[in-house]
Amino acid sequence: EAYRLLDQGERVRRAARRASAGEIGRLNLGCVTSAFYQILPPILDRFRAKYPEVGLSLREVDTADAVPDLTSGRLDFGFIRLDAVEPPLKMRPLRRDAFVAVLPVGHPLARRRTLALKDLAREEFVIFSRKVSPRFYDSIVNACLRAGFSPNIGHESTSILSQVGFVACGLAVGLVPRSVKHLHMPGVIYRELDEDRKST
């Protein structure tokens, strides 16, 4: 019985050390929609290969909701769009993503290979809601202002998918991160912008 208890105690100590080292347990991850298309899959593949005993709980989040969830500990890690975070949070930039224009397939500007942002000055925009992602919204508006016009915002969306969906319905044009080009939705076409307009 004594040997059994000693062996059990050693197993508990080993498990505690592995949990402390992050080798077992569970991570709660939050991720903005656009990261699912290109950024997240290879990262999670490598993570699962290195830490096969760590469970992953992944959910789609908006940047605005993710920050309080990270601060409170409801999320352990987040893939979001921000310039900076306040302590106790820490941030590591992964990449900068350029904007591309998304247009309805039959739009006259869709015949061009590239566009200047000012080519969209007279168009009606669908834009990501500022309540959902203030940084994303401000980046688009500021890019338009630098191009010499204030965007005519006719619609607001709460996700990248719905933003592209508005465009597919022929209701507006939009600016989305380049990584969204991997989302092949019928009825839309993506066009690179001549200007170096960065999102975050």
Protein backbone atom coordinates (compact mmCIF):
# COMPACT_ATOMS: atom_id res chain seq x y z
CA GLU A 1 0.00 0.00 0.00
CA ALA A 2 2.89 2.35 0.85
CA TYR A 3 4.53 1.66 -2.55
CA ARG A 4 1.21 2.30 -4.29
CA LEU A 5 0.80 5.65 -2.50
CA LEU A 6 4.38 6.67 -3.32
CA ASP A 7 3.86 5.81 -6.98
CA GLN A 8 0.57 7.70 -7.04
CA GLY A 9 2.22 10.72 -5.41
CA GLU A 10 4.99 10.70 -8.01
CA ARG A 11 2.43 10.59 -10.83
CA VAL A 12 0.62 13.59 -9.32
CA ARG A 13 3.93 15.51 -9.05
CA ARG A 14 4.80 14.71 -12.68
CA ALA A 15 1.35 15.82 -13.84
CA ALA A 16 1.67 19.04 -11.83
CA ARG A 17 5.08 19.76 -13.37
CA ARG A 18 3.72 19.13 -16.90
CA ALA A 19 0.69 21.31 -16.25
CA SER A 20 2.95 24.07 -14.93
CA ALA A 21 5.12 23.78 -18.05
CA GLY A 22 2.03 24.01 -20.29
CA GLU A 23 2.38 20.45 -21.60
CA ILE A 24 -1.07 19.29 -20.46
CA GLY A 25 -4.31 21.07 -19.68
CA ARG A 26 -6.66 23.17 -21.77
CA LEU A 27 -6.30 26.50 -23.58
CA ASN A 28 -9.23 28.77 -24.38
CA LEU A 29 -8.52 30.66 -27.60
CA GLY A 30 -10.40 33.53 -29.22
CA CYS A 31 -9.94 34.44 -32.87
CA VAL A 32 -11.21 37.14 -35.23
CA THR A 33 -12.87 35.73 -38.35
CA SER A 34 -10.17 36.68 -40.85
CA ALA A 35 -7.48 34.75 -38.95
CA PHE A 36 -9.29 31.47 -39.71
CA TYR A 37 -8.49 31.75 -43.42
CA GLN A 38 -4.72 31.76 -43.37
CA ILE A 39 -3.06 32.49 -40.03
CA LEU A 40 -4.59 30.06 -37.56
CA PRO A 41 -4.53 26.62 -39.28
CA PRO A 42 -0.72 26.26 -39.56
CA ILE A 43 -0.21 27.62 -36.03
CA LEU A 44 -2.65 25.11 -34.53
CA ASP A 45 -1.16 22.26 -36.58
CA ARG A 46 2.29 22.95 -35.09
CA PHE A 47 0.88 23.44 -31.60
CA ARG A 48 -1.02 20.13 -31.63
CA ALA A 49 2.07 18.30 -32.89
CA LYS A 50 4.20 19.74 -30.08
CA TYR A 51 1.60 19.56 -27.26
CA PRO A 52 -0.74 16.67 -28.12
CA GLU A 53 -2.12 16.48 -24.57
CA VAL A 54 -3.22 20.13 -24.43
CA GLY A 55 -6.90 20.50 -25.26
CA LEU A 56 -7.96 23.51 -27.32
CA SER A 57 -11.24 25.36 -27.05
CA LEU A 58 -11.56 27.81 -29.95
CA ARG A 59 -14.25 30.40 -30.49
CA GLU A 60 -14.78 33.25 -32.91
CA VAL A 61 -14.58 36.64 -31.18
CA ASP A 62 -14.75 40.31 -31.96
CA THR A 63 -11.77 42.38 -30.89
CA ALA A 64 -13.98 44.54 -28.66
CA ASP A 65 -15.27 41.48 -26.76
CA ALA A 66 -11.94 39.65 -26.69
CA VAL A 67 -10.05 42.23 -24.61
CA PRO A 68 -12.27 41.98 -21.48
CA ASP A 69 -12.38 38.19 -21.88
CA LEU A 70 -8.58 38.06 -21.98
CA THR A 71 -8.25 40.40 -19.00
CA SER A 72 -10.70 38.37 -16.92
CA GLY A 73 -9.12 35.04 -17.86
CA ARG A 74 -12.13 33.70 -19.79
CA LEU A 75 -9.72 33.54 -22.73
CA ASP A 76 -6.09 32.47 -22.40
CA PHE A 77 -5.01 33.68 -25.82
CA GLY A 78 -6.47 35.75 -28.64
CA PHE A 79 -5.81 36.42 -32.31
CA ILE A 80 -7.21 39.95 -32.63
CA ARG A 81 -6.55 43.29 -34.36
CA LEU A 82 -5.00 45.85 -32.02
CA ASP A 83 -2.08 48.28 -31.94
CA ALA A 84 -1.41 47.87 -28.22
CA VAL A 85 -2.80 46.36 -25.04
CA GLU A 86 -2.74 47.45 -21.42
CA PRO A 87 -1.08 45.37 -18.66
CA PRO A 88 -1.52 42.66 -17.56
CA LEU A 89 -2.07 41.67 -21.19
CA LYS A 90 0.89 41.19 -23.52
CA MET A 91 0.84 41.35 -27.29
CA ARG A 92 2.99 39.85 -30.01
CA PRO A 93 2.33 41.11 -33.56
CA LEU A 94 2.05 38.25 -36.04
CA ARG A 95 1.61 40.12 -39.31
CA ARG A 96 0.32 43.25 -40.98
CA ASP A 97 -2.39 42.72 -43.53
CA ALA A 98 -3.08 45.06 -46.47
CA PHE A 99 -6.60 45.99 -47.45
CA VAL A 100 -8.06 44.82 -50.75
CA ALA A 101 -11.27 46.02 -52.37
CA VAL A 102 -14.16 43.56 -52.63
CA LEU A 103 -16.64 44.32 -55.40
CA PRO A 104 -19.74 42.71 -56.88
CA VAL A 105 -18.72 40.62 -59.90
CA GLY A 106 -20.64 42.81 -62.36
CA HIS A 107 -19.30 46.11 -61.02
CA PRO A 108 -17.65 48.33 -63.69
CA LEU A 109 -14.47 48.63 -61.59
CA ALA A 110 -14.16 44.84 -61.45
CA ARG A 111 -12.73 44.92 -64.99
CA ARG A 112 -9.56 46.56 -63.66
CA ARG A 113 -6.70 44.49 -62.24
CA THR A 114 -5.85 47.03 -59.53
CA LEU A 115 -7.63 50.05 -58.11
CA ALA A 116 -6.70 53.29 -56.45
CA LEU A 117 -8.66 53.77 -53.26
CA LYS A 118 -9.98 57.09 -54.59
CA ASP A 119 -11.68 55.11 -57.41
CA LEU A 120 -14.18 54.04 -54.74
CA ALA A 121 -14.94 57.61 -53.59
CA ARG A 122 -18.46 57.64 -55.09
CA GLU A 123 -19.36 54.11 -54.05
CA GLU A 124 -21.56 53.02 -51.18
CA PHE A 125 -19.55 51.05 -48.60
CA VAL A 126 -20.33 48.20 -46.27
CA ILE A 127 -17.96 48.56 -43.34
CA PHE A 128 -17.18 46.58 -40.22
CA SER A 129 -19.11 48.00 -37.26
CA ARG A 130 -17.03 50.24 -35.00
CA LYS A 131 -18.72 48.68 -31.98
CA VAL A 132 -17.38 45.27 -33.02
CA SER A 133 -13.84 46.35 -33.96
CA PRO A 134 -12.96 50.02 -33.41
CA ARG A 135 -9.45 49.61 -34.82
CA PHE A 136 -10.68 47.96 -38.02
CA TYR A 137 -13.37 50.59 -38.57
CA ASP A 138 -10.98 53.49 -37.92
CA SER A 139 -8.34 52.00 -40.24
CA ILE A 140 -10.79 51.94 -43.15
CA VAL A 141 -12.16 55.43 -42.54
CA ASN A 142 -8.65 56.89 -42.11
CA ALA A 143 -7.42 55.18 -45.29
CA CYS A 144 -10.29 56.77 -47.23
CA LEU A 145 -9.65 60.18 -45.69
CA ARG A 146 -5.97 59.96 -46.67
CA ALA A 147 -7.11 59.14 -50.21
CA GLY A 148 -9.10 62.37 -50.23
CA PHE A 149 -12.67 61.33 -49.49
CA SER A 150 -15.00 60.40 -46.68
CA PRO A 151 -16.55 56.97 -47.27
CA ASN A 152 -20.29 56.79 -47.92
CA ILE A 153 -21.17 54.12 -45.35
CA GLY A 154 -24.48 52.62 -46.32
CA HIS A 155 -24.26 49.39 -44.32
CA GLU A 156 -22.45 48.04 -41.27
CA SER A 157 -21.61 44.38 -40.71
CA THR A 158 -20.71 42.38 -37.63
CA SER A 159 -18.45 39.85 -39.36
CA ILE A 160 -16.18 39.55 -42.37
CA LEU A 161 -18.50 36.91 -43.80
CA SER A 162 -21.54 39.18 -43.66
CA GLN A 163 -19.49 42.09 -45.03
CA VAL A 164 -18.57 40.06 -48.11
CA GLY A 165 -22.19 38.84 -48.24
CA PHE A 166 -23.47 42.43 -48.54
CA VAL A 167 -21.13 42.89 -51.51
CA ALA A 168 -22.26 39.61 -53.09
CA CYS A 169 -25.84 40.94 -52.93
CA GLY A 170 -24.73 43.97 -54.95
CA LEU A 171 -25.54 46.39 -52.13
CA ALA A 172 -22.10 47.96 -51.65
CA VAL A 173 -18.34 47.67 -52.03
CA GLY A 174 -15.96 47.00 -49.16
CA LEU A 175 -12.40 46.93 -47.92
CA VAL A 176 -11.28 43.69 -46.31
CA PRO A 177 -7.93 42.22 -45.21
CA ARG A 178 -6.02 40.53 -48.03
CA SER A 179 -6.24 37.20 -46.17
CA VAL A 180 -10.02 37.23 -46.83
CA LYS A 181 -9.32 36.60 -50.54
CA HIS A 182 -9.23 32.92 -49.55
CA LEU A 183 -12.95 33.18 -48.85
CA HIS A 184 -14.41 32.19 -52.22
CA MET A 185 -17.94 33.54 -52.13
CA PRO A 186 -19.91 33.53 -55.40
CA GLY A 187 -20.74 36.99 -56.71
CA VAL A 188 -17.68 38.88 -55.48
CA ILE A 189 -14.26 39.73 -56.84
CA TYR A 190 -11.23 41.03 -54.96
CA ARG A 191 -8.95 43.73 -56.33
CA GLU A 192 -5.57 44.87 -55.03
CA LEU A 193 -5.15 48.54 -54.19
CA ASP A 194 -2.33 50.59 -55.67
CA GLU A 195 -1.80 52.36 -52.36
CA ASP A 196 -0.10 50.61 -49.49
CA ARG A 197 -3.14 50.74 -47.18
CA LYS A 198 -2.53 48.64 -44.09
CA SER A 199 -5.02 47.10 -41.73
CA THR A 200 -3.96 45.62 -38.40
